[in-house]
Amino acid sequence: MHKPSGTFKLDINGKYGKKGSYYVRFKFPDPITGERKEKTKGGLATQAEAKSVLSDLMAENTSGELVIDRGFTVAQAWELYVEELEMRVKLGTIKKKTLDSYATIYELHIRPRWGKRVMAEVRPLDIVRFFKDHERLRRDSNVWHIVRTCFAIAHKNGFLGANPFLRVKRSDVVSEKKIKKAEKFWDVKQLKTFRDAIAKDDHPERWFYEIIIFSGLRRGEAIGICDDSLDFTNPGMPTLTIDRQLTLDISGNPEWDTPKTETSKRTVVLIDEAVTAIREQQFKRATYELEYKDEWTNERGALFVNADGSILNPDTFSKRFSRYVKELGLPNIGLHGLRHTFATVALEAGVPLKALSEMLGHSEVNITADIYQHVTVETKATAFEQVAGLIR
């Protein structure tokens, strides 16, 4: 009898759903005749969703899975998850504070309710009830992520047979309206509207926004720019070294940290607009220093500081950005949306995906491809047309 198998692919031409979505093709044996059958499901928005659907199909069509430990609990699965997180911290793929944050969430919201829960006894309805009975848990996507990952790890390591989370979506416990994400990016016309407005209003964060718009930096990387990060010795190729960021600790206080991952450490070549923004901000900072004199405190030489030289809270930038965008009547893309806008425009301009991935500091090219699939599909379609034009 044939064994169940499947794969997922990018739907370039929109054959199985919306162009640029993913589709799953699953082959399995007929339970009566043993003949091979096939199912195809399309219109899946992301690789993650496609993987989830494929896993679900595998679970539905695989019988007799061995449960090694029928007494295996959520607390034991959490210990396995912590091991995995600790390894990722050592490898530099996540920050120690991410692990600390997850541990705090587990201790506060998961262990008291489900720590002793036997995983093999959990059914999809139990998961729905777990979240629907607690408003705080429904709203926090990290709780969903942690519990779901605990079940996935238990299943992967043979402590759990069928994973009940494969049959539950987050939309089953939280309305689609609440989990719907804001638009990720602006088009060129909207970006121009924004740039014209911050120039006209002489917005206090104008040069901060301009740096992100013309370099694609993350929020913490842009706020983390210091004098020793900059190299203007070569007029034809000024650069910025990303070797630190200003972020928030687990208590919400600003702190200096290394970049998000090892691949986030990179050197960025600055174009004229970014250089202008940096020079203008340096001039602005110099006026602060003259005003505060002996009270000035900026030992690191940070580019973006309060008037007295003290470090800024990163959340302040995000909140001010959202308020200002709302006043302008532009779509709410969030501050991180400026980075997405940079990447989207870069791909539309023909920047190779691998080059863009390195510019953004992504750990893998497929991360860039997944986030910006709306552009990559159109780019591929255009490329195919160009090839066809030469052949015709």
Protein backbone atom coordinates (compact mmCIF):
# COMPACT_ATOMS: atom_id res chain seq x y z
CA MET A 1 0.00 0.00 0.00
CA HIS A 2 1.22 3.47 -0.85
CA LYS A 3 2.42 5.63 2.01
CA PRO A 4 0.88 9.13 2.47
CA SER A 5 3.11 11.88 1.07
CA GLY A 6 2.75 15.48 0.08
CA THR A 7 4.37 18.76 -0.81
CA PHE A 8 3.54 22.44 -1.05
CA LYS A 9 4.51 24.94 -3.73
CA LEU A 10 4.14 28.58 -4.71
CA ASP A 11 1.17 29.09 -7.03
CA ILE A 12 2.81 31.42 -9.55
CA ASN A 13 -0.03 31.43 -12.09
CA GLY A 14 -2.98 31.29 -9.69
CA LYS A 15 -4.05 27.83 -10.87
CA TYR A 16 -5.31 26.68 -7.48
CA GLY A 17 -6.16 30.02 -5.87
CA LYS A 18 -4.96 33.60 -5.71
CA LYS A 19 -1.77 34.29 -7.69
CA GLY A 20 1.16 34.29 -5.29
CA SER A 21 -0.51 32.03 -2.73
CA TYR A 22 0.62 28.49 -1.90
CA TYR A 23 -1.00 25.16 -2.67
CA VAL A 24 -0.67 21.69 -1.15
CA ARG A 25 -0.68 18.46 -3.14
CA PHE A 26 -1.24 15.36 -1.00
CA LYS A 27 -1.14 11.73 -2.13
CA PHE A 28 -2.58 8.94 0.01
CA PRO A 29 -3.85 5.33 -0.29
CA ASP A 30 -7.56 4.59 -0.52
CA PRO A 31 -8.42 2.84 2.77
CA ILE A 32 -10.49 0.20 0.93
CA THR A 33 -8.80 -0.43 -2.43
CA GLY A 34 -5.28 0.71 -1.55
CA GLU A 35 -5.12 2.71 -4.76
CA ARG A 36 -3.33 6.04 -4.73
CA LYS A 37 -5.54 9.11 -4.46
CA GLU A 38 -4.65 12.77 -4.52
CA LYS A 39 -5.95 15.93 -2.84
CA THR A 40 -5.02 19.48 -3.76
CA LYS A 41 -5.77 22.53 -1.66
CA GLY A 42 -4.86 26.04 -2.78
CA GLY A 43 -5.25 29.68 -1.83
CA LEU A 44 -2.98 29.39 1.23
CA ALA A 45 -1.48 32.75 2.17
CA THR A 46 1.92 31.70 3.57
CA GLN A 47 4.37 28.82 3.74
CA ALA A 48 3.46 28.36 7.41
CA GLU A 49 -0.22 27.91 6.55
CA ALA A 50 0.66 25.46 3.76
CA LYS A 51 2.84 23.42 6.14
CA SER A 52 0.01 23.37 8.69
CA VAL A 53 -2.50 22.11 6.11
CA LEU A 54 -0.05 19.43 4.92
CA SER A 55 0.55 18.31 8.51
CA ASP A 56 -3.19 18.17 9.08
CA LEU A 57 -3.69 15.97 6.01
CA MET A 58 -0.89 13.68 7.16
CA ALA A 59 -2.50 13.35 10.59
CA GLU A 60 -5.90 12.58 9.07
CA ASN A 61 -4.50 9.88 6.81
CA THR A 62 -1.98 8.26 9.11
CA SER A 63 -3.19 5.68 11.60
CA GLY A 64 -1.58 3.71 14.33
CA GLU A 65 0.84 6.36 15.54
CA LEU A 66 2.68 5.26 18.67
CA VAL A 67 2.28 7.29 21.85
CA ILE A 68 5.42 6.47 23.82
CA ASP A 69 4.33 8.13 27.05
CA ARG A 70 0.62 8.50 27.73
CA GLY A 71 1.39 10.44 30.90
CA PHE A 72 3.49 13.10 29.16
CA THR A 73 2.44 16.55 30.37
CA VAL A 74 2.54 20.11 29.04
CA ALA A 75 5.17 20.91 31.70
CA GLN A 76 7.44 18.17 30.34
CA ALA A 77 6.94 19.43 26.79
CA TRP A 78 7.84 22.92 27.99
CA GLU A 79 11.16 21.57 29.32
CA LEU A 80 11.90 20.21 25.84
CA TYR A 81 10.98 23.56 24.32
CA VAL A 82 13.31 25.38 26.74
CA GLU A 83 16.14 23.07 25.65
CA GLU A 84 15.49 24.00 22.03
CA LEU A 85 15.30 27.72 22.85
CA GLU A 86 18.56 27.56 24.80
CA MET A 87 20.29 25.97 21.80
CA ARG A 88 18.92 28.71 19.56
CA VAL A 89 20.25 31.34 21.98
CA LYS A 90 23.72 29.75 21.78
CA LEU A 91 23.51 29.68 17.98
CA GLY A 92 22.53 33.34 17.98
CA THR A 93 19.23 32.81 16.14
CA ILE A 94 17.20 34.28 19.04
CA LYS A 95 17.94 36.59 21.95
CA LYS A 96 18.21 35.46 25.58
CA LYS A 97 15.47 37.95 26.41
CA THR A 98 13.11 36.09 24.04
CA LEU A 99 13.64 32.96 26.10
CA ASP A 100 13.14 34.95 29.32
CA SER A 101 9.96 36.49 27.96
CA TYR A 102 8.53 33.10 26.97
CA ALA A 103 9.45 31.69 30.40
CA THR A 104 7.59 34.53 32.14
CA ILE A 105 4.50 33.95 29.99
CA TYR A 106 4.62 30.21 30.66
CA GLU A 107 4.94 30.67 34.44
CA LEU A 108 2.16 33.27 34.62
CA HIS A 109 -0.43 31.96 32.19
CA ILE A 110 0.24 28.38 31.11
CA ARG A 111 1.78 26.36 33.95
CA PRO A 112 -0.95 27.20 36.53
CA ARG A 113 -3.70 26.11 34.10
CA TRP A 114 -2.19 23.35 31.98
CA GLY A 115 1.22 22.46 33.42
CA LYS A 116 0.02 19.09 34.74
CA ARG A 117 -2.31 18.42 31.81
CA VAL A 118 -1.66 15.07 30.09
CA MET A 119 -1.16 15.93 26.43
CA ALA A 120 -2.55 12.67 25.02
CA GLU A 121 -5.91 13.46 26.65
CA VAL A 122 -6.24 16.91 25.08
CA ARG A 123 -8.78 17.25 22.28
CA PRO A 124 -9.32 20.17 19.88
CA LEU A 125 -12.36 21.28 21.89
CA ASP A 126 -10.22 21.44 25.05
CA ILE A 127 -7.85 23.84 23.26
CA VAL A 128 -10.71 26.09 22.19
CA ARG A 129 -12.09 26.12 25.75
CA PHE A 130 -8.64 26.81 27.22
CA PHE A 131 -8.36 30.04 25.26
CA LYS A 132 -12.00 31.11 25.20
CA ASP A 133 -12.30 30.88 28.97
CA HIS A 134 -9.49 33.40 29.50
CA GLU A 135 -9.62 36.79 27.77
CA ARG A 136 -5.91 37.49 28.43
CA LEU A 137 -4.86 34.28 26.72
CA ARG A 138 -7.02 34.94 23.68
CA ARG A 139 -5.42 38.32 23.06
CA ASP A 140 -1.79 37.27 23.55
CA SER A 141 -0.47 35.57 20.42
CA ASN A 142 2.64 34.48 22.36
CA VAL A 143 0.53 32.23 24.62
CA TRP A 144 -0.93 30.57 21.53
CA HIS A 145 2.55 30.19 20.03
CA ILE A 146 4.08 28.66 23.18
CA VAL A 147 1.32 26.12 23.82
CA ARG A 148 1.11 25.17 20.14
CA THR A 149 4.89 24.71 19.96
CA CYS A 150 4.90 22.54 23.10
CA PHE A 151 2.42 20.18 21.42
CA ALA A 152 4.40 20.20 18.17
CA ILE A 153 7.65 19.33 19.99
CA ALA A 154 5.98 16.52 21.94
CA HIS A 155 4.60 15.12 18.69
CA LYS A 156 7.92 15.47 16.85
CA ASN A 157 9.81 13.64 19.61
CA GLY A 158 7.35 10.75 19.83
CA PHE A 159 5.70 11.60 23.16
CA LEU A 160 2.39 12.42 21.50
CA GLY A 161 0.52 10.68 18.67
CA ALA A 162 -1.93 12.87 16.79
CA ASN A 163 -1.39 16.56 17.52
CA PRO A 164 -4.76 18.19 18.34
CA PHE A 165 -3.41 21.66 17.48
CA LEU A 166 -3.34 20.64 13.80
CA ARG A 167 -7.14 20.74 13.89
CA VAL A 168 -7.49 24.13 15.59
CA LYS A 169 -6.82 27.56 14.08
CA ARG A 170 -6.28 30.70 16.09
CA SER A 171 -9.34 32.15 14.40
CA ASP A 172 -11.35 29.48 16.28
CA VAL A 173 -10.63 31.33 19.53
CA VAL A 174 -10.06 34.91 18.35
CA SER A 175 -12.15 36.73 15.76
CA GLU A 176 -10.48 37.26 12.36
CA LYS A 177 -11.00 40.99 12.86
CA LYS A 178 -8.83 40.99 15.98
CA ILE A 179 -5.98 38.98 14.52
CA LYS A 180 -5.95 40.69 11.13
CA LYS A 181 -2.63 42.41 10.62
CA ALA A 182 -2.26 45.97 9.42
CA GLU A 183 -1.21 46.57 5.85
CA LYS A 184 2.51 45.91 5.62
CA PHE A 185 3.70 48.57 3.24
CA TRP A 186 2.89 51.69 1.23
CA ASP A 187 3.08 52.14 -2.49
CA VAL A 188 5.43 54.76 -3.91
CA LYS A 189 2.69 57.41 -4.09
CA GLN A 190 1.78 56.95 -0.41
CA LEU A 191 5.45 57.03 0.57
CA LYS A 192 5.90 60.30 -1.32
CA THR A 193 2.88 61.76 0.50
CA PHE A 194 4.48 60.83 3.82
CA ARG A 195 7.90 62.24 2.92
CA ASP A 196 6.39 65.50 1.67
CA ALA A 197 4.41 65.84 4.92
CA ILE A 198 7.34 65.26 7.31
CA ALA A 199 9.40 67.79 5.33
CA LYS A 200 6.65 70.39 5.31
CA ASP A 201 5.89 69.93 9.01
CA ASP A 202 9.58 69.67 9.94
CA HIS A 203 8.61 66.58 11.93
CA PRO A 204 10.93 65.96 14.93
CA GLU A 205 11.56 62.36 13.78
CA ARG A 206 11.94 63.26 10.11
CA TRP A 207 15.55 62.15 9.78
CA PHE A 208 14.93 58.94 11.68
CA TYR A 209 12.16 58.00 9.24
CA GLU A 210 14.29 58.98 6.25
CA ILE A 211 17.12 56.68 7.34
CA ILE A 212 14.78 53.68 7.52
CA ILE A 213 13.11 54.59 4.22
CA PHE A 214 16.46 54.68 2.40
CA SER A 215 18.24 51.80 4.17
CA GLY A 216 15.56 49.35 5.36
CA LEU A 217 16.91 49.21 8.92
CA ARG A 218 14.91 47.78 11.79
CA ARG A 219 13.71 50.25 14.43
CA GLY A 220 16.32 49.24 17.02
CA GLU A 221 19.11 49.28 14.44
CA ALA A 222 18.28 52.84 13.37
CA ILE A 223 18.04 54.12 16.95
CA GLY A 224 21.27 52.26 17.70
CA ILE A 225 23.36 54.22 15.20
CA CYS A 226 26.43 55.72 16.91
CA ASP A 227 29.31 57.79 15.57
CA ASP A 228 31.67 54.80 15.58
CA SER A 229 29.20 52.89 13.36
CA LEU A 230 29.71 55.36 10.52
CA ASP A 231 32.51 55.45 7.98
CA PHE A 232 32.50 58.45 5.64
CA THR A 233 36.21 58.22 4.76
CA ASN A 234 35.37 56.97 1.28
CA PRO A 235 33.16 59.69 -0.26
CA GLY A 236 32.05 57.35 -3.02
CA MET A 237 30.90 54.62 -0.63
CA PRO A 238 29.90 55.79 2.88
CA THR A 239 28.92 52.86 5.10
CA LEU A 240 27.08 52.05 8.31
CA THR A 241 28.09 49.03 10.40
CA ILE A 242 25.18 47.36 12.21
CA ASP A 243 26.76 45.86 15.33
CA ARG A 244 24.33 47.04 18.01
CA GLN A 245 20.73 48.03 18.51
CA LEU A 246 18.68 49.88 21.11
CA THR A 247 15.78 47.75 22.23
CA LEU A 248 13.59 47.09 25.28
CA ASP A 249 14.32 44.69 28.12
CA ILE A 250 11.71 42.35 29.53
CA SER A 251 10.44 45.16 31.79
CA GLY A 252 10.01 47.59 28.90
CA ASN A 253 13.08 49.72 29.63
CA PRO A 254 15.49 50.75 26.84
CA GLU A 255 18.79 48.83 26.72
CA TRP A 256 21.73 48.40 24.38
CA ASP A 257 21.95 44.98 22.77
CA THR A 258 23.58 43.11 19.92
CA PRO A 259 21.61 42.84 16.65
CA LYS A 260 18.66 40.45 16.34
CA THR A 261 20.70 37.55 14.86
CA GLU A 262 24.28 36.91 13.72
CA THR A 263 23.31 37.67 10.12
CA SER A 264 21.80 40.97 11.29
CA LYS A 265 25.37 42.11 11.89
CA ARG A 266 26.24 43.67 8.55
CA THR A 267 27.64 46.68 6.74
CA VAL A 268 25.16 48.85 4.85
CA VAL A 269 26.22 51.12 2.01
CA LEU A 270 24.50 54.48 2.47
CA ILE A 271 22.98 56.34 -0.46
CA ASP A 272 22.91 60.15 -0.58
CA GLU A 273 19.49 60.55 1.07
CA ALA A 274 20.54 58.41 4.03
CA VAL A 275 23.81 60.33 4.40
CA THR A 276 21.89 63.62 4.33
CA ALA A 277 19.53 62.35 7.05
CA ILE A 278 22.48 61.34 9.24
CA ARG A 279 24.27 64.66 8.75
CA GLU A 280 21.11 66.62 9.56
CA GLN A 281 20.52 64.58 12.71
CA GLN A 282 24.14 65.09 13.79
CA PHE A 283 23.63 68.84 13.44
CA LYS A 284 20.43 68.63 15.48
CA ARG A 285 22.22 66.63 18.17
CA ALA A 286 25.02 69.26 18.27
CA THR A 287 22.46 71.97 19.07
CA TYR A 288 21.24 69.85 22.00
CA GLU A 289 24.80 69.48 23.29
CA LEU A 290 25.42 73.24 23.11
CA GLU A 291 22.20 73.90 25.00
CA TYR A 292 22.82 71.40 27.83
CA LYS A 293 26.64 71.79 28.05
CA ASP A 294 27.84 70.15 31.30
CA GLU A 295 24.54 68.26 31.72
CA TRP A 296 24.98 66.55 28.36
CA THR A 297 25.32 62.76 28.65
CA ASN A 298 25.96 60.74 25.51
CA GLU A 299 29.00 58.54 26.11
CA ARG A 300 28.27 56.19 23.22
CA GLY A 301 27.87 58.96 20.67
CA ALA A 302 24.32 57.82 19.83
CA LEU A 303 22.76 59.64 16.90
CA PHE A 304 19.20 59.70 18.23
CA VAL A 305 18.96 60.93 21.82
CA ASN A 306 16.82 63.08 24.06
CA ALA A 307 17.70 66.77 24.33
CA ASP A 308 19.94 66.07 27.36
CA GLY A 309 21.77 63.25 25.54
CA SER A 310 20.02 60.38 27.34
CA ILE A 311 18.85 57.34 25.36
CA LEU A 312 15.37 57.26 23.88
CA ASN A 313 12.63 54.71 24.41
CA PRO A 314 12.10 52.86 21.09
CA ASP A 315 8.35 52.61 21.67
CA THR A 316 8.15 56.42 21.61
CA PHE A 317 9.08 56.39 17.92
CA SER A 318 6.46 53.77 17.11
CA LYS A 319 3.66 55.57 18.93
CA ARG A 320 4.45 58.96 17.40
CA PHE A 321 4.64 57.40 13.94
CA SER A 322 1.20 55.77 14.28
CA ARG A 323 -0.40 58.99 15.54
CA TYR A 324 1.11 61.05 12.73
CA VAL A 325 0.14 58.55 10.02
CA LYS A 326 -3.42 58.58 11.30
CA GLU A 327 -3.49 62.39 11.07
CA LEU A 328 -2.32 62.15 7.45
CA GLY A 329 -5.02 59.63 6.61
CA LEU A 330 -2.51 57.06 5.34
CA PRO A 331 -2.89 53.29 5.89
CA ASN A 332 -1.57 52.12 9.25
CA ILE A 333 1.51 50.09 8.33
CA GLY A 334 3.26 50.51 11.68
CA LEU A 335 6.81 51.82 11.96
CA HIS A 336 8.18 48.46 10.80
CA GLY A 337 6.14 49.02 7.65
CA LEU A 338 8.74 51.55 6.46
CA ARG A 339 11.24 48.67 6.33
CA HIS A 340 8.70 46.57 4.40
CA THR A 341 8.13 49.48 2.04
CA PHE A 342 11.86 49.77 1.38
CA ALA A 343 12.08 46.05 0.59
CA THR A 344 8.98 46.07 -1.61
CA VAL A 345 10.25 49.01 -3.68
CA ALA A 346 13.69 47.35 -3.92
CA LEU A 347 12.22 44.15 -5.38
CA GLU A 348 10.02 46.09 -7.76
CA ALA A 349 13.14 47.93 -8.91
CA GLY A 350 14.79 44.60 -9.74
CA VAL A 351 17.10 44.09 -6.75
CA PRO A 352 17.92 40.34 -6.60
CA LEU A 353 16.25 38.49 -3.73
CA LYS A 354 19.55 37.23 -2.27
CA ALA A 355 21.05 40.73 -2.32
CA LEU A 356 17.97 42.17 -0.62
CA SER A 357 18.05 39.42 2.01
CA GLU A 358 21.63 40.40 2.89
CA MET A 359 20.73 44.11 2.91
CA LEU A 360 17.91 43.45 5.37
CA GLY A 361 19.99 41.12 7.55
CA HIS A 362 17.69 38.12 7.22
CA SER A 363 19.12 34.79 8.36
CA GLU A 364 17.80 32.95 5.27
CA VAL A 365 16.70 33.94 1.78
CA ASN A 366 13.43 32.01 2.14
CA ILE A 367 12.44 34.35 4.99
CA THR A 368 12.70 37.27 2.57
CA ALA A 369 10.85 35.30 -0.12
CA ASP A 370 8.00 34.42 2.27
CA ILE A 371 7.54 37.95 3.62
CA TYR A 372 7.65 39.58 0.20
CA GLN A 373 5.93 36.88 -1.86
CA HIS A 374 3.44 39.48 -3.14
CA VAL A 375 6.32 41.06 -5.06
CA THR A 376 8.42 38.00 -5.90
CA VAL A 377 5.53 36.29 -7.68
CA GLU A 378 4.90 39.33 -9.88
CA THR A 379 8.65 39.60 -10.54
CA LYS A 380 8.80 35.93 -11.56
CA ALA A 381 5.76 36.32 -13.79
CA THR A 382 7.41 39.31 -15.49
CA ALA A 383 10.62 37.30 -15.92
CA PHE A 384 8.70 34.47 -17.57
CA GLU A 385 7.08 36.93 -19.94
CA GLN A 386 10.48 38.39 -20.80
CA VAL A 387 11.83 34.91 -21.59
CA ALA A 388 8.74 34.06 -23.62
CA GLY A 389 9.13 37.32 -25.55
CA LEU A 390 12.61 36.27 -26.64
CA ILE A 391 11.44 32.80 -27.69
CA ARG A 392 8.31 33.86 -29.57
